[in-house]
Protein backbone atom coordinates (compact mmCIF):
# COMPACT_ATOMS: atom_id res chain seq x y z
CA MET A 1 -7.53 -5.78 -22.26
CA THR A 2 -7.74 -7.40 -18.81
CA ASP A 3 -11.24 -7.27 -17.30
CA THR A 4 -10.99 -5.38 -14.01
CA SER A 5 -14.71 -4.69 -13.61
CA LYS A 6 -14.69 -6.69 -10.34
CA LEU A 7 -11.48 -5.08 -9.12
CA GLU A 8 -11.66 -1.49 -7.93
CA HIS A 9 -8.96 -1.58 -5.25
CA LEU A 10 -5.83 -3.72 -5.41
CA ALA A 11 -3.49 -3.97 -2.42
CA ILE A 12 0.00 -5.47 -2.67
CA ILE A 13 2.58 -6.56 -0.09
CA MET A 14 5.83 -6.12 -2.02
CA ASP A 15 7.94 -8.86 -0.46
CA GLY A 16 11.14 -10.60 -1.49
CA ASN A 17 13.58 -7.78 -2.29
CA ARG A 18 16.22 -8.91 0.20
CA ARG A 19 15.94 -12.60 -0.69
CA TRP A 20 16.18 -11.70 -4.39
CA ALA A 21 19.42 -9.83 -3.72
CA ARG A 22 20.81 -12.53 -1.42
CA ALA A 23 20.22 -15.23 -4.05
CA ARG A 24 22.38 -13.22 -6.45
CA GLY A 25 25.12 -12.41 -3.96
CA LEU A 26 24.10 -8.74 -3.93
CA PRO A 27 23.58 -6.33 -1.02
CA ALA A 28 20.00 -5.81 0.15
CA ALA A 29 20.06 -2.28 -1.26
CA MET A 30 20.26 -3.67 -4.79
CA GLY A 31 17.13 -5.72 -4.19
CA HIS A 32 15.27 -2.66 -2.96
CA LYS A 33 16.48 -0.67 -5.98
CA LYS A 34 15.26 -3.34 -8.38
CA GLY A 35 12.01 -3.49 -6.42
CA ALA A 36 11.52 0.25 -6.94
CA GLU A 37 11.75 -0.35 -10.70
CA THR A 38 9.03 -3.00 -10.39
CA VAL A 39 6.81 -0.44 -8.68
CA GLN A 40 6.98 1.72 -11.79
CA GLU A 41 5.98 -1.19 -14.03
CA ILE A 42 3.09 -2.32 -11.84
CA VAL A 43 1.71 1.18 -11.34
CA ARG A 44 1.69 1.73 -15.10
CA ALA A 45 0.05 -1.66 -15.67
CA ALA A 46 -2.62 -1.07 -13.03
CA ALA A 47 -3.44 2.36 -14.43
CA ASP A 48 -3.67 0.96 -17.97
CA MET A 49 -6.01 -1.77 -16.71
CA GLY A 50 -8.36 0.79 -15.22
CA ILE A 51 -7.80 -0.12 -11.57
CA ARG A 52 -8.99 2.85 -9.54
CA TYR A 53 -6.98 2.31 -6.34
CA LEU A 54 -3.60 0.67 -5.81
CA THR A 55 -2.15 0.42 -2.30
CA LEU A 56 1.46 -0.69 -1.91
CA TYR A 57 3.09 -1.78 1.37
CA ALA A 58 6.47 -0.07 1.09
CA PHE A 59 7.81 0.08 4.67
CA SER A 60 6.23 -1.15 7.89
CA THR A 61 6.63 0.17 11.41
CA GLU A 62 8.36 -3.14 12.19
CA ASN A 63 10.92 -2.49 9.42
CA TRP A 64 12.49 0.20 11.63
CA GLN A 65 14.00 -2.70 13.62
CA ARG A 66 16.22 -3.76 10.71
CA GLU A 67 19.93 -3.02 10.68
CA LYS A 68 20.64 0.71 10.74
CA SER A 69 22.63 0.59 7.51
CA GLU A 70 19.78 -1.07 5.62
CA VAL A 71 17.21 1.39 6.97
CA GLU A 72 19.42 4.34 6.00
CA SER A 73 19.86 2.86 2.53
CA LEU A 74 16.09 2.47 2.21
CA MET A 75 15.50 6.05 3.30
CA ASP A 76 18.03 7.32 0.74
CA LEU A 77 16.29 5.27 -1.95
CA LEU A 78 12.96 6.70 -0.81
CA ARG A 79 14.31 10.25 -1.12
CA GLN A 80 15.44 9.52 -4.66
CA TYR A 81 12.13 7.87 -5.50
CA LEU A 82 10.09 10.79 -4.16
CA LYS A 83 12.13 13.34 -6.11
CA SER A 84 12.42 11.58 -9.45
CA GLU A 85 10.68 8.26 -9.93
CA LEU A 86 7.24 9.49 -8.90
CA LYS A 87 7.40 12.30 -11.46
CA GLU A 88 6.30 10.07 -14.34
CA ILE A 89 3.44 8.70 -12.26
CA GLN A 90 2.25 12.20 -11.40
CA GLU A 91 2.36 13.28 -15.04
CA ASN A 92 0.10 10.37 -16.00
CA GLY A 93 -2.85 11.66 -14.00
CA VAL A 94 -2.31 9.53 -10.89
CA ARG A 95 -3.15 10.88 -7.46
CA ILE A 96 -0.56 9.90 -4.85
CA MET A 97 -1.23 9.62 -1.13
CA PHE A 98 0.69 8.17 1.79
CA ILE A 99 -0.53 6.35 4.89
CA GLY A 100 1.49 5.61 8.01
CA GLU A 101 3.29 7.17 10.97
CA ARG A 102 4.93 10.26 9.49
CA THR A 103 6.41 11.33 12.83
CA MET A 104 8.89 8.45 12.52
CA LEU A 105 10.26 9.77 9.20
CA ASP A 106 12.84 12.52 8.66
CA ALA A 107 11.44 16.00 8.12
CA ASP A 108 12.72 16.35 4.55
CA ILE A 109 10.97 13.12 3.54
CA VAL A 110 7.69 14.21 5.12
CA GLU A 111 7.95 17.60 3.40
CA GLN A 112 8.36 15.90 0.01
CA MET A 113 5.45 13.55 0.72
CA ASN A 114 3.20 16.47 1.61
CA LYS A 115 4.19 18.29 -1.58
CA ILE A 116 3.45 15.26 -3.77
CA GLU A 117 0.04 14.81 -2.17
CA GLN A 118 -0.78 18.47 -2.71
CA ASP A 119 0.47 18.50 -6.31
CA THR A 120 -1.53 15.41 -7.30
CA LYS A 121 -4.75 15.83 -5.32
CA ALA A 122 -6.74 16.80 -8.44
CA ASN A 123 -5.51 13.83 -10.52
CA ASP A 124 -8.26 11.31 -11.12
CA LYS A 125 -6.99 8.50 -13.38
CA MET A 126 -5.98 6.34 -10.42
CA THR A 127 -5.08 6.75 -6.75
CA LEU A 128 -1.71 5.30 -5.74
CA CYS A 129 -1.60 4.85 -1.97
CA ILE A 130 1.83 4.11 -0.49
CA ALA A 131 1.90 2.59 3.00
CA LEU A 132 5.08 4.00 4.51
CA SER A 133 6.10 3.55 8.15
CA TYR A 134 2.73 1.84 8.40
CA GLY A 135 1.33 -0.63 10.91
CA SER A 136 -2.32 -1.62 10.95
CA ARG A 137 -2.56 -2.24 14.69
CA GLN A 138 -1.22 1.27 15.34
CA GLU A 139 -3.71 2.65 12.81
CA ILE A 140 -6.56 0.91 14.67
CA VAL A 141 -5.33 2.17 18.05
CA ASN A 142 -5.16 5.71 16.65
CA SER A 143 -8.73 5.37 15.40
CA VAL A 144 -9.91 4.23 18.83
CA LYS A 145 -8.16 7.20 20.44
CA LYS A 146 -9.85 9.65 18.04
CA ILE A 147 -13.29 8.23 18.78
CA ALA A 148 -12.62 8.15 22.54
CA SER A 149 -11.55 11.79 22.43
CA LEU A 150 -14.73 12.81 20.58
CA ALA A 151 -16.85 10.89 23.09
CA GLN A 152 -14.98 12.40 26.04
CA LYS A 153 -15.63 15.91 24.71
CA GLY A 154 -19.29 15.09 24.14
CA ASP A 155 -19.08 15.53 20.37
CA ILE A 156 -20.49 12.04 19.82
CA ASN A 157 -22.69 9.65 21.75
CA ILE A 158 -21.47 6.10 22.40
CA ALA A 159 -24.55 4.78 20.63
CA GLU A 160 -23.46 6.59 17.44
CA ILE A 161 -20.24 4.58 17.10
CA ASP A 162 -20.53 2.12 14.23
CA GLU A 163 -18.36 0.52 11.55
CA LYS A 164 -18.61 3.53 9.24
CA MET A 165 -17.49 5.95 11.93
CA PHE A 166 -14.56 3.70 12.77
CA SER A 167 -13.59 3.35 9.10
CA ASP A 168 -13.75 7.12 8.69
CA MET A 169 -11.08 7.48 11.38
CA LEU A 170 -8.59 5.27 9.51
CA TYR A 171 -5.88 6.49 7.12
CA THR A 172 -7.79 4.88 4.24
CA LYS A 173 -11.07 6.71 4.83
CA GLU A 174 -11.06 8.08 1.29
CA MET A 175 -10.84 4.66 -0.36
CA PRO A 176 -13.02 1.55 -0.63
CA ASP A 177 -11.73 -1.61 1.04
CA PRO A 178 -9.40 -3.72 -1.14
CA ASP A 179 -11.01 -6.30 -3.40
CA LEU A 180 -7.79 -8.27 -3.81
CA LEU A 181 -4.57 -8.54 -1.83
CA ILE A 182 -1.46 -9.91 -3.53
CA ARG A 183 1.61 -10.83 -1.53
CA THR A 184 4.77 -11.65 -3.45
CA GLY A 185 7.86 -13.47 -2.21
CA GLY A 186 6.31 -16.75 -1.11
CA GLU A 187 5.22 -15.83 2.44
CA LYS A 188 1.57 -16.39 3.39
CA ARG A 189 0.64 -13.84 6.00
CA VAL A 190 -0.66 -10.26 6.06
CA SER A 191 2.08 -8.81 8.31
CA ASN A 192 0.08 -6.13 10.13
CA TYR A 193 -1.28 -4.70 6.86
CA LEU A 194 -4.79 -3.22 6.50
CA LEU A 195 -6.23 -5.60 9.11
CA TRP A 196 -9.60 -3.83 9.36
CA GLN A 197 -9.85 -3.16 5.63
CA LEU A 198 -9.14 -6.78 4.57
CA ALA A 199 -12.28 -8.21 6.21
CA TYR A 200 -13.73 -9.50 2.90
CA THR A 201 -10.72 -9.14 0.63
CA GLU A 202 -9.65 -12.02 -1.62
CA PHE A 203 -6.02 -13.16 -1.14
CA TYR A 204 -3.41 -14.34 -3.64
CA PHE A 205 0.06 -15.45 -2.56
CA SER A 206 2.72 -15.43 -5.27
CA ALA A 207 6.04 -17.27 -4.95
CA THR A 208 7.68 -14.66 -7.20
CA ALA A 209 9.98 -12.20 -5.45
CA TRP A 210 8.85 -8.60 -5.93
CA PRO A 211 11.80 -7.58 -8.20
CA ASP A 212 10.75 -10.32 -10.66
CA PHE A 213 7.02 -9.60 -10.48
CA GLY A 214 5.60 -8.08 -13.67
CA LYS A 215 2.56 -7.21 -15.73
CA GLU A 216 2.19 -10.72 -17.14
CA GLU A 217 1.82 -12.32 -13.70
CA LEU A 218 -0.42 -9.50 -12.50
CA THR A 219 -2.72 -10.11 -15.48
CA LYS A 220 -2.86 -13.86 -14.72
CA ILE A 221 -3.72 -13.19 -11.07
CA ILE A 222 -6.51 -10.76 -11.97
CA THR A 223 -7.94 -13.28 -14.44
CA GLU A 224 -7.95 -15.90 -11.66
CA PHE A 225 -9.56 -13.39 -9.27
CA ASN A 226 -12.32 -12.69 -11.80
CA GLY A 227 -13.27 -16.36 -11.69
CA ARG A 228 -13.91 -16.32 -7.96
CA GLU A 229 -17.36 -15.95 -6.43
CA ARG A 230 -17.31 -13.37 -3.66
CA ARG A 231 -19.98 -14.29 -1.11
CA TYR A 232 -19.38 -11.80 1.70
CA GLY A 233 -20.65 -14.37 4.20
CA LYS A 234 -24.08 -14.57 2.56
CA ASN A 235 -23.91 -18.30 1.73
């Protein structure tokens, strides 16, 4: 079994769905559909490996700028995924939570998200966190606004503001910071993802498009990660 003793929280940027489809002469929707199947495989693998937290970047706030037809197709796929594909994950003792700007999503999608979070809140095998309509800069701005409001009302003193208070205002307040970030698809950037939380995270950039990413490559990456020395700026 893969040693994940050093890896409590894994974050993934699931990139390459559209390029995977384009390379095969398929519409982007087919790449996203195949990518959704990969999510199932990786969630199962991570749970079997004993990883406690898995955060997946599913849809960014910037993705709303894509062509309307593609966005609508993605939202329809999301509806299907929320209603059916997540059922197996729930039944395997996985807690599911969502982070992001819910006000940008349709009401029926938000309702289903809320229901899933409520239904799985007692599950403790693993926490699956799905970043949906998410942007880290917006998350940080929201955190600043919350703290400013508390200070304005006199609920906190300026001197009390520290890193922990700031972290507790973020969407991810219930989770430790990621130990490892994997980005698939060949790009080498973080794309407005967990900017505060990635301060001491190890990075791995895979050339494999997300639809082709699987348990075997995940295992190899974790083995490589286990060989790294994490110094946290100490030396």
